[in-house]
Amino acid sequence: MESQERRLKELAPAVKNMERLAADFSADPEEILPEAGTLESAKSYREKKARPLLAQIVKVLRSLYLAYVELRGKEVKLENKALRQVSADYERVKRAFGPEQVEAVVQADKQREQAEKARKQTRRSVDRGGR
């Protein structure tokens, strides 16, 4: 529980940043891209209104992508840390009970899982009418 709370605190700034960026561009496209002026040329409209808006959208997309990469990196680091702890605990168990006994128990449990999976597949096949 404590590690989950710590993880949320670490990820919160990146999530808030993405939420802010999404809110900035959640308006209706009609409101974001203004109508062309009465005597405004297509070239003028493109240069003065469309291109700056497109540049701003690209900037936001890049920011979102960078925030995503940062968030994903933090998640991976936290997951790696947790997995390293599990691995260290596994090594402790092997030292306490002996590597051969631990390996035998692991293999027996894998076989039990495979047998359970095979039973479920057979049950599904029977439930479908043996097809």
C-alpha atoms as a PDB file:
ATOM      1  CA  MET A   1       0.000   0.000   0.000  1.00  0.00           C
ATOM      2  CA  GLU A   2       2.782   2.393   0.943  1.00  0.00           C
ATOM      3  CA  SER A   3       4.684   1.695  -2.287  1.00  0.00           C
ATOM      4  CA  GLN A   4       1.543   2.386  -4.343  1.00  0.00           C
ATOM      5  CA  GLU A   5       1.044   5.738  -2.620  1.00  0.00           C
ATOM      6  CA  ARG A   6       4.687   6.624  -3.252  1.00  0.00           C
ATOM      7  CA  ARG A   7       4.287   5.585  -6.897  1.00  0.00           C
ATOM      8  CA  LEU A   8       1.212   7.803  -7.279  1.00  0.00           C
ATOM      9  CA  LYS A   9       3.078  10.764  -5.781  1.00  0.00           C
ATOM     10  CA  GLU A  10       5.958  10.234  -8.214  1.00  0.00           C
ATOM     11  CA  LEU A  11       3.681   9.962 -11.252  1.00  0.00           C
ATOM     12  CA  ALA A  12       1.234  12.739 -10.305  1.00  0.00           C
ATOM     13  CA  PRO A  13       3.188  15.691 -11.801  1.00  0.00           C
ATOM     14  CA  ALA A  14       3.464  14.039 -15.225  1.00  0.00           C
ATOM     15  CA  VAL A  15      -0.243  13.152 -15.218  1.00  0.00           C
ATOM     16  CA  LYS A  16      -1.215  16.689 -14.197  1.00  0.00           C
ATOM     17  CA  ASN A  17       0.937  18.097 -17.003  1.00  0.00           C
ATOM     18  CA  MET A  18      -0.818  15.861 -19.554  1.00  0.00           C
ATOM     19  CA  GLU A  19      -4.227  16.821 -18.154  1.00  0.00           C
ATOM     20  CA  ARG A  20      -3.362  20.518 -18.463  1.00  0.00           C
ATOM     21  CA  LEU A  21      -2.212  20.118 -22.052  1.00  0.00           C
ATOM     22  CA  ALA A  22      -5.344  18.181 -22.947  1.00  0.00           C
ATOM     23  CA  ALA A  23      -7.530  20.867 -21.348  1.00  0.00           C
ATOM     24  CA  ASP A  24      -5.760  23.580 -23.348  1.00  0.00           C
ATOM     25  CA  PHE A  25      -6.918  21.972 -26.572  1.00  0.00           C
ATOM     26  CA  SER A  26     -10.246  20.484 -25.590  1.00  0.00           C
ATOM     27  CA  ALA A  27     -12.213  23.348 -27.158  1.00  0.00           C
ATOM     28  CA  ASP A  28     -14.291  22.890 -30.268  1.00  0.00           C
ATOM     29  CA  PRO A  29     -12.165  23.200 -33.459  1.00  0.00           C
ATOM     30  CA  GLU A  30     -14.524  25.959 -34.642  1.00  0.00           C
ATOM     31  CA  GLU A  31     -13.418  28.059 -31.665  1.00  0.00           C
ATOM     32  CA  ILE A  32      -9.707  27.347 -32.099  1.00  0.00           C
ATOM     33  CA  LEU A  33      -9.382  28.083 -35.826  1.00  0.00           C
ATOM     34  CA  PRO A  34     -10.895  31.465 -36.648  1.00  0.00           C
ATOM     35  CA  GLU A  35     -12.846  32.276 -39.795  1.00  0.00           C
ATOM     36  CA  ALA A  36     -11.010  34.008 -42.615  1.00  0.00           C
ATOM     37  CA  GLY A  37     -11.485  37.758 -42.830  1.00  0.00           C
ATOM     38  CA  THR A  38     -13.638  39.217 -45.595  1.00  0.00           C
ATOM     39  CA  LEU A  39     -10.766  40.320 -47.809  1.00  0.00           C
ATOM     40  CA  GLU A  40      -8.138  37.946 -46.405  1.00  0.00           C
ATOM     41  CA  SER A  41      -6.234  35.865 -48.956  1.00  0.00           C
ATOM     42  CA  ALA A  42      -5.650  32.151 -48.539  1.00  0.00           C
ATOM     43  CA  LYS A  43      -1.923  32.774 -48.212  1.00  0.00           C
ATOM     44  CA  SER A  44      -2.451  35.370 -45.490  1.00  0.00           C
ATOM     45  CA  TYR A  45      -4.870  33.082 -43.629  1.00  0.00           C
ATOM     46  CA  ARG A  46      -2.410  30.205 -43.881  1.00  0.00           C
ATOM     47  CA  GLU A  47       0.542  32.241 -42.621  1.00  0.00           C
ATOM     48  CA  LYS A  48      -1.216  34.279 -39.916  1.00  0.00           C
ATOM     49  CA  LYS A  49      -3.799  31.838 -38.535  1.00  0.00           C
ATOM     50  CA  ALA A  50      -3.449  28.229 -39.691  1.00  0.00           C
ATOM     51  CA  ARG A  51       0.325  27.837 -39.489  1.00  0.00           C
ATOM     52  CA  PRO A  52       0.682  29.307 -35.942  1.00  0.00           C
ATOM     53  CA  LEU A  53      -2.163  27.075 -34.739  1.00  0.00           C
ATOM     54  CA  LEU A  54      -0.592  24.024 -36.338  1.00  0.00           C
ATOM     55  CA  ALA A  55       2.765  24.906 -34.744  1.00  0.00           C
ATOM     56  CA  GLN A  56       1.056  25.170 -31.366  1.00  0.00           C
ATOM     57  CA  ILE A  57      -0.670  21.794 -31.841  1.00  0.00           C
ATOM     58  CA  VAL A  58       2.639  20.168 -32.805  1.00  0.00           C
ATOM     59  CA  LYS A  59       4.217  21.689 -29.693  1.00  0.00           C
ATOM     60  CA  VAL A  60       1.459  20.239 -27.510  1.00  0.00           C
ATOM     61  CA  LEU A  61       1.756  16.825 -29.166  1.00  0.00           C
ATOM     62  CA  ARG A  62       5.495  16.829 -28.543  1.00  0.00           C
ATOM     63  CA  SER A  63       4.910  17.822 -24.924  1.00  0.00           C
ATOM     64  CA  LEU A  64       2.358  15.049 -24.510  1.00  0.00           C
ATOM     65  CA  TYR A  65       4.719  12.537 -26.049  1.00  0.00           C
ATOM     66  CA  LEU A  66       7.592  13.624 -23.802  1.00  0.00           C
ATOM     67  CA  ALA A  67       5.310  13.476 -20.752  1.00  0.00           C
ATOM     68  CA  TYR A  68       4.218   9.983 -21.800  1.00  0.00           C
ATOM     69  CA  VAL A  69       7.828   8.836 -22.259  1.00  0.00           C
ATOM     70  CA  GLU A  70       8.744  10.288 -18.865  1.00  0.00           C
ATOM     71  CA  LEU A  71       5.748   8.663 -17.193  1.00  0.00           C
ATOM     72  CA  ARG A  72       6.466   5.323 -18.855  1.00  0.00           C
ATOM     73  CA  GLY A  73      10.113   5.542 -17.808  1.00  0.00           C
ATOM     74  CA  LYS A  74       9.138   6.175 -14.193  1.00  0.00           C
ATOM     75  CA  GLU A  75       6.734   3.224 -14.282  1.00  0.00           C
ATOM     76  CA  VAL A  76       9.422   0.955 -15.692  1.00  0.00           C
ATOM     77  CA  LYS A  77      11.924   2.075 -13.043  1.00  0.00           C
ATOM     78  CA  LEU A  78       9.397   1.407 -10.276  1.00  0.00           C
ATOM     79  CA  GLU A  79       8.537  -1.984 -11.752  1.00  0.00           C
ATOM     80  CA  ASN A  80      12.230  -2.883 -12.058  1.00  0.00           C
ATOM     81  CA  LYS A  81      12.792  -1.892  -8.443  1.00  0.00           C
ATOM     82  CA  ALA A  82       9.904  -4.094  -7.331  1.00  0.00           C
ATOM     83  CA  LEU A  83      11.148  -7.005  -9.443  1.00  0.00           C
ATOM     84  CA  ARG A  84      14.653  -6.645  -8.020  1.00  0.00           C
ATOM     85  CA  GLN A  85      13.131  -6.916  -4.540  1.00  0.00           C
ATOM     86  CA  VAL A  86      11.233 -10.071  -5.544  1.00  0.00           C
ATOM     87  CA  SER A  87      14.435 -11.525  -6.982  1.00  0.00           C
ATOM     88  CA  ALA A  88      16.350 -10.718  -3.783  1.00  0.00           C
ATOM     89  CA  ASP A  89      13.609 -12.365  -1.716  1.00  0.00           C
ATOM     90  CA  TYR A  90      13.753 -15.434  -3.977  1.00  0.00           C
ATOM     91  CA  GLU A  91      17.510 -15.671  -3.414  1.00  0.00           C
ATOM     92  CA  ARG A  92      16.918 -15.452   0.351  1.00  0.00           C
ATOM     93  CA  VAL A  93      14.416 -18.324   0.151  1.00  0.00           C
ATOM     94  CA  LYS A  94      16.915 -20.401  -1.845  1.00  0.00           C
ATOM     95  CA  ARG A  95      19.598 -19.760   0.792  1.00  0.00           C
ATOM     96  CA  ALA A  96      17.214 -20.673   3.612  1.00  0.00           C
ATOM     97  CA  PHE A  97      15.722 -23.849   2.099  1.00  0.00           C
ATOM     98  CA  GLY A  98      18.407 -24.889  -0.358  1.00  0.00           C
ATOM     99  CA  PRO A  99      18.393 -24.247  -4.105  1.00  0.00           C
ATOM    100  CA  GLU A 100      17.475 -27.833  -5.035  1.00  0.00           C
ATOM    101  CA  GLN A 101      14.407 -27.940  -2.795  1.00  0.00           C
ATOM    102  CA  VAL A 102      13.223 -24.512  -3.974  1.00  0.00           C
ATOM    103  CA  GLU A 103      13.716 -25.490  -7.628  1.00  0.00           C
ATOM    104  CA  ALA A 104      11.769 -28.735  -7.074  1.00  0.00           C
ATOM    105  CA  VAL A 105       8.873 -26.799  -5.536  1.00  0.00           C
ATOM    106  CA  VAL A 106       8.902 -24.258  -8.395  1.00  0.00           C
ATOM    107  CA  GLN A 107       8.870 -27.029 -11.019  1.00  0.00           C
ATOM    108  CA  ALA A 108       6.063 -28.874  -9.217  1.00  0.00           C
ATOM    109  CA  ASP A 109       3.972 -25.697  -9.140  1.00  0.00           C
ATOM    110  CA  LYS A 110       4.615 -25.072 -12.855  1.00  0.00           C
ATOM    111  CA  GLN A 111       3.416 -28.591 -13.619  1.00  0.00           C
ATOM    112  CA  ARG A 112       0.332 -28.011 -11.471  1.00  0.00           C
ATOM    113  CA  GLU A 113      -0.412 -24.792 -13.393  1.00  0.00           C
ATOM    114  CA  GLN A 114      -0.026 -26.580 -16.734  1.00  0.00           C
ATOM    115  CA  ALA A 115      -2.335 -29.381 -15.608  1.00  0.00           C
ATOM    116  CA  GLU A 116      -4.909 -26.815 -14.437  1.00  0.00           C
ATOM    117  CA  LYS A 117      -4.682 -25.020 -17.778  1.00  0.00           C
ATOM    118  CA  ALA A 118      -5.162 -28.296 -19.653  1.00  0.00           C
ATOM    119  CA  ARG A 119      -8.217 -29.128 -17.485  1.00  0.00           C
ATOM    120  CA  LYS A 120      -9.765 -25.732 -18.245  1.00  0.00           C
ATOM    121  CA  GLN A 121      -9.180 -26.177 -21.983  1.00  0.00           C
ATOM    122  CA  THR A 122     -10.741 -29.648 -21.877  1.00  0.00           C
ATOM    123  CA  ARG A 123     -13.694 -28.278 -19.903  1.00  0.00           C
ATOM    124  CA  ARG A 124     -14.204 -25.501 -22.464  1.00  0.00           C
ATOM    125  CA  SER A 125     -14.073 -28.020 -25.288  1.00  0.00           C
ATOM    126  CA  VAL A 126     -16.673 -30.227 -23.576  1.00  0.00           C
ATOM    127  CA  ASP A 127     -18.908 -27.220 -22.831  1.00  0.00           C
ATOM    128  CA  ARG A 128     -18.869 -26.311 -26.521  1.00  0.00           C
ATOM    129  CA  GLY A 129     -20.150 -29.701 -27.494  1.00  0.00           C
ATOM    130  CA  GLY A 130     -16.854 -31.453 -28.108  1.00  0.00           C
ATOM    131  CA  ARG A 131     -15.974 -29.446 -31.206  1.00  0.00           C
END
